[in-house]
């Protein structure tokens, strides 16, 4: 390569800003006091549902349920009776029934009709090729 072509290539390259070193500060996380077993058992037994107990304790419902199961297993293994509430399943939210919503059914039917091709493509199958 000659020197002029090399200079042209260098001149056409985009300039890139130098990489600056970013100092990352440690992430600030909420440090909560550990939930003792006596607090957990009191809140668990006073709550109506697992989600209520978990919310009061600042925990994930699955974590609260796992902790209750672990406490039950630990007490059973030691032969000590533990009265730990078994929560019922939380009621499901009532969803609007599609079958009872005539306006929504008509709207969806119109979308289905509009999205269909105008002439359905039919495929002709010859009887010779199948045998």
C-alpha atoms as a PDB file:
ATOM      1  CA  UNK A   1       0.000   0.000   0.000  1.00  0.00           C
ATOM      2  CA  UNK A   2       1.237   3.417  -0.717  1.00  0.00           C
ATOM      3  CA  UNK A   3       1.470   6.099   1.938  1.00  0.00           C
ATOM      4  CA  UNK A   4      -1.366   8.273   0.511  1.00  0.00           C
ATOM      5  CA  UNK A   5      -3.901   5.415   0.617  1.00  0.00           C
ATOM      6  CA  UNK A   6      -2.887   4.567   4.158  1.00  0.00           C
ATOM      7  CA  UNK A   7      -3.385   8.186   5.270  1.00  0.00           C
ATOM      8  CA  UNK A   8      -6.824   8.242   3.625  1.00  0.00           C
ATOM      9  CA  UNK A   9      -7.865   5.089   5.509  1.00  0.00           C
ATOM     10  CA  UNK A  10      -6.704   6.523   8.808  1.00  0.00           C
ATOM     11  CA  UNK A  11      -8.478   9.817   8.113  1.00  0.00           C
ATOM     12  CA  UNK A  12     -11.777   8.019   7.333  1.00  0.00           C
ATOM     13  CA  UNK A  13     -11.819   6.005  10.562  1.00  0.00           C
ATOM     14  CA  UNK A  14     -14.234   7.359  13.149  1.00  0.00           C
ATOM     15  CA  UNK A  15     -12.663   8.860  16.185  1.00  0.00           C
ATOM     16  CA  UNK A  16     -13.422   7.068  19.403  1.00  0.00           C
ATOM     17  CA  UNK A  17     -13.363   8.755  22.751  1.00  0.00           C
ATOM     18  CA  UNK A  18     -10.899   7.215  25.173  1.00  0.00           C
ATOM     19  CA  UNK A  19     -12.395   4.812  27.651  1.00  0.00           C
ATOM     20  CA  UNK A  20     -12.800   6.451  31.016  1.00  0.00           C
ATOM     21  CA  UNK A  21     -12.465   4.332  34.078  1.00  0.00           C
ATOM     22  CA  UNK A  22     -15.720   4.286  35.964  1.00  0.00           C
ATOM     23  CA  UNK A  23     -15.473   3.664  39.640  1.00  0.00           C
ATOM     24  CA  UNK A  24     -18.444   1.630  40.704  1.00  0.00           C
ATOM     25  CA  UNK A  25     -19.681   2.177  44.185  1.00  0.00           C
ATOM     26  CA  UNK A  26     -21.003  -0.825  46.051  1.00  0.00           C
ATOM     27  CA  UNK A  27     -24.726  -1.219  45.575  1.00  0.00           C
ATOM     28  CA  UNK A  28     -26.805   0.129  48.392  1.00  0.00           C
ATOM     29  CA  UNK A  29     -29.100  -2.647  49.534  1.00  0.00           C
ATOM     30  CA  UNK A  30     -31.537  -2.548  52.344  1.00  0.00           C
ATOM     31  CA  UNK A  31     -30.097  -4.381  55.255  1.00  0.00           C
ATOM     32  CA  UNK A  32     -32.972  -5.658  57.293  1.00  0.00           C
ATOM     33  CA  UNK A  33     -32.592  -7.179  60.681  1.00  0.00           C
ATOM     34  CA  UNK A  34     -32.788 -10.945  60.439  1.00  0.00           C
ATOM     35  CA  UNK A  35     -36.225 -12.313  61.128  1.00  0.00           C
ATOM     36  CA  UNK A  36     -35.985 -14.461  64.215  1.00  0.00           C
ATOM     37  CA  UNK A  37     -37.928 -17.695  64.499  1.00  0.00           C
ATOM     38  CA  UNK A  38     -40.174 -16.306  67.233  1.00  0.00           C
ATOM     39  CA  UNK A  39     -41.141 -13.298  65.078  1.00  0.00           C
ATOM     40  CA  UNK A  40     -41.644 -15.551  62.051  1.00  0.00           C
ATOM     41  CA  UNK A  41     -43.897 -17.972  63.972  1.00  0.00           C
ATOM     42  CA  UNK A  42     -46.011 -15.159  65.462  1.00  0.00           C
ATOM     43  CA  UNK A  43     -46.529 -13.384  62.124  1.00  0.00           C
ATOM     44  CA  UNK A  44     -47.105 -16.701  60.303  1.00  0.00           C
ATOM     45  CA  UNK A  45     -49.794 -17.852  62.733  1.00  0.00           C
ATOM     46  CA  UNK A  46     -51.541 -14.451  62.800  1.00  0.00           C
ATOM     47  CA  UNK A  47     -51.747 -14.107  59.006  1.00  0.00           C
ATOM     48  CA  UNK A  48     -54.677 -15.329  56.981  1.00  0.00           C
ATOM     49  CA  UNK A  49     -52.687 -16.230  53.857  1.00  0.00           C
ATOM     50  CA  UNK A  50     -49.064 -16.948  52.992  1.00  0.00           C
ATOM     51  CA  UNK A  51     -48.889 -13.754  50.953  1.00  0.00           C
ATOM     52  CA  UNK A  52     -50.021 -11.717  53.973  1.00  0.00           C
ATOM     53  CA  UNK A  53     -47.342 -13.248  56.189  1.00  0.00           C
ATOM     54  CA  UNK A  54     -44.649 -12.812  53.547  1.00  0.00           C
ATOM     55  CA  UNK A  55     -45.584  -9.176  52.986  1.00  0.00           C
ATOM     56  CA  UNK A  56     -45.523  -8.452  56.720  1.00  0.00           C
ATOM     57  CA  UNK A  57     -42.101 -10.078  57.011  1.00  0.00           C
ATOM     58  CA  UNK A  58     -40.700  -8.462  53.864  1.00  0.00           C
ATOM     59  CA  UNK A  59     -40.146 -11.852  52.239  1.00  0.00           C
ATOM     60  CA  UNK A  60     -41.024 -13.588  49.020  1.00  0.00           C
ATOM     61  CA  UNK A  61     -44.099 -15.849  49.565  1.00  0.00           C
ATOM     62  CA  UNK A  62     -42.166 -18.892  48.329  1.00  0.00           C
ATOM     63  CA  UNK A  63     -39.371 -18.154  50.817  1.00  0.00           C
ATOM     64  CA  UNK A  64     -41.836 -17.782  53.684  1.00  0.00           C
ATOM     65  CA  UNK A  65     -43.524 -21.058  52.734  1.00  0.00           C
ATOM     66  CA  UNK A  66     -40.140 -22.802  52.564  1.00  0.00           C
ATOM     67  CA  UNK A  67     -39.132 -21.439  55.951  1.00  0.00           C
ATOM     68  CA  UNK A  68     -42.370 -22.688  57.516  1.00  0.00           C
ATOM     69  CA  UNK A  69     -41.777 -26.127  56.003  1.00  0.00           C
ATOM     70  CA  UNK A  70     -38.210 -26.161  57.310  1.00  0.00           C
ATOM     71  CA  UNK A  71     -39.388 -25.214  60.813  1.00  0.00           C
ATOM     72  CA  UNK A  72     -42.004 -27.989  60.723  1.00  0.00           C
ATOM     73  CA  UNK A  73     -39.378 -30.524  59.642  1.00  0.00           C
ATOM     74  CA  UNK A  74     -36.848 -29.378  62.241  1.00  0.00           C
ATOM     75  CA  UNK A  75     -39.362 -29.559  65.098  1.00  0.00           C
ATOM     76  CA  UNK A  76     -40.682 -32.943  63.917  1.00  0.00           C
ATOM     77  CA  UNK A  77     -37.151 -34.353  63.719  1.00  0.00           C
ATOM     78  CA  UNK A  78     -36.511 -33.196  67.290  1.00  0.00           C
ATOM     79  CA  UNK A  79     -39.842 -34.675  68.420  1.00  0.00           C
ATOM     80  CA  UNK A  80     -41.165 -31.299  69.592  1.00  0.00           C
ATOM     81  CA  UNK A  81     -44.753 -30.353  68.764  1.00  0.00           C
ATOM     82  CA  UNK A  82     -45.019 -27.111  66.791  1.00  0.00           C
ATOM     83  CA  UNK A  83     -48.374 -25.444  66.197  1.00  0.00           C
ATOM     84  CA  UNK A  84     -47.668 -23.738  62.896  1.00  0.00           C
ATOM     85  CA  UNK A  85     -50.705 -22.698  60.882  1.00  0.00           C
ATOM     86  CA  UNK A  86     -51.397 -24.267  57.492  1.00  0.00           C
ATOM     87  CA  UNK A  87     -52.679 -21.414  55.371  1.00  0.00           C
ATOM     88  CA  UNK A  88     -55.507 -21.906  52.886  1.00  0.00           C
ATOM     89  CA  UNK A  89     -54.919 -21.004  49.279  1.00  0.00           C
ATOM     90  CA  UNK A  90     -55.618 -17.353  48.571  1.00  0.00           C
ATOM     91  CA  UNK A  91     -58.787 -16.756  46.555  1.00  0.00           C
ATOM     92  CA  UNK A  92     -58.199 -16.162  42.894  1.00  0.00           C
ATOM     93  CA  UNK A  93     -59.063 -12.869  41.345  1.00  0.00           C
ATOM     94  CA  UNK A  94     -62.338 -12.930  39.460  1.00  0.00           C
ATOM     95  CA  UNK A  95     -61.679 -12.648  35.769  1.00  0.00           C
ATOM     96  CA  UNK A  96     -64.205 -11.314  33.337  1.00  0.00           C
ATOM     97  CA  UNK A  97     -65.687 -14.222  31.403  1.00  0.00           C
ATOM     98  CA  UNK A  98     -65.180 -13.973  27.661  1.00  0.00           C
ATOM     99  CA  UNK A  99     -68.330 -16.014  27.021  1.00  0.00           C
ATOM    100  CA  UNK A 100     -70.458 -13.363  28.744  1.00  0.00           C
ATOM    101  CA  UNK A 101     -68.887 -10.386  26.936  1.00  0.00           C
ATOM    102  CA  UNK A 102     -70.748 -10.141  23.630  1.00  0.00           C
ATOM    103  CA  UNK A 103     -68.985  -6.930  22.582  1.00  0.00           C
ATOM    104  CA  UNK A 104     -65.527  -8.479  23.036  1.00  0.00           C
ATOM    105  CA  UNK A 105     -66.612 -11.627  21.151  1.00  0.00           C
ATOM    106  CA  UNK A 106     -67.832  -9.509  18.227  1.00  0.00           C
ATOM    107  CA  UNK A 107     -64.608  -7.469  18.220  1.00  0.00           C
ATOM    108  CA  UNK A 108     -62.449 -10.619  18.162  1.00  0.00           C
ATOM    109  CA  UNK A 109     -64.626 -12.183  15.439  1.00  0.00           C
ATOM    110  CA  UNK A 110     -64.131  -9.063  13.278  1.00  0.00           C
ATOM    111  CA  UNK A 111     -60.355  -9.292  13.778  1.00  0.00           C
ATOM    112  CA  UNK A 112     -60.422 -12.971  12.811  1.00  0.00           C
ATOM    113  CA  UNK A 113     -62.483 -12.227   9.701  1.00  0.00           C
ATOM    114  CA  UNK A 114     -60.222  -9.335   8.637  1.00  0.00           C
ATOM    115  CA  UNK A 115     -57.063 -11.398   9.097  1.00  0.00           C
ATOM    116  CA  UNK A 116     -58.247 -14.251   6.843  1.00  0.00           C
ATOM    117  CA  UNK A 117     -56.927 -14.245   3.282  1.00  0.00           C
ATOM    118  CA  UNK A 118     -59.554 -13.191   0.741  1.00  0.00           C
ATOM    119  CA  UNK A 119     -59.278 -16.432  -1.252  1.00  0.00           C
ATOM    120  CA  UNK A 120     -58.134 -19.518   0.585  1.00  0.00           C
ATOM    121  CA  UNK A 121     -55.216 -21.184  -1.144  1.00  0.00           C
ATOM    122  CA  UNK A 122     -56.238 -24.689  -2.108  1.00  0.00           C
ATOM    123  CA  UNK A 123     -53.682 -27.303  -2.835  1.00  0.00           C
ATOM    124  CA  UNK A 124     -54.478 -29.764  -5.564  1.00  0.00           C
ATOM    125  CA  UNK A 125     -53.300 -33.262  -4.886  1.00  0.00           C
ATOM    126  CA  UNK A 126     -52.976 -35.503  -7.837  1.00  0.00           C
ATOM    127  CA  UNK A 127     -53.855 -39.138  -7.315  1.00  0.00           C
ATOM    128  CA  UNK A 128     -50.858 -40.227  -9.440  1.00  0.00           C
ATOM    129  CA  UNK A 129     -48.199 -38.781  -7.146  1.00  0.00           C
ATOM    130  CA  UNK A 130     -49.501 -40.445  -4.000  1.00  0.00           C
ATOM    131  CA  UNK A 131     -49.262 -43.972  -5.337  1.00  0.00           C
END
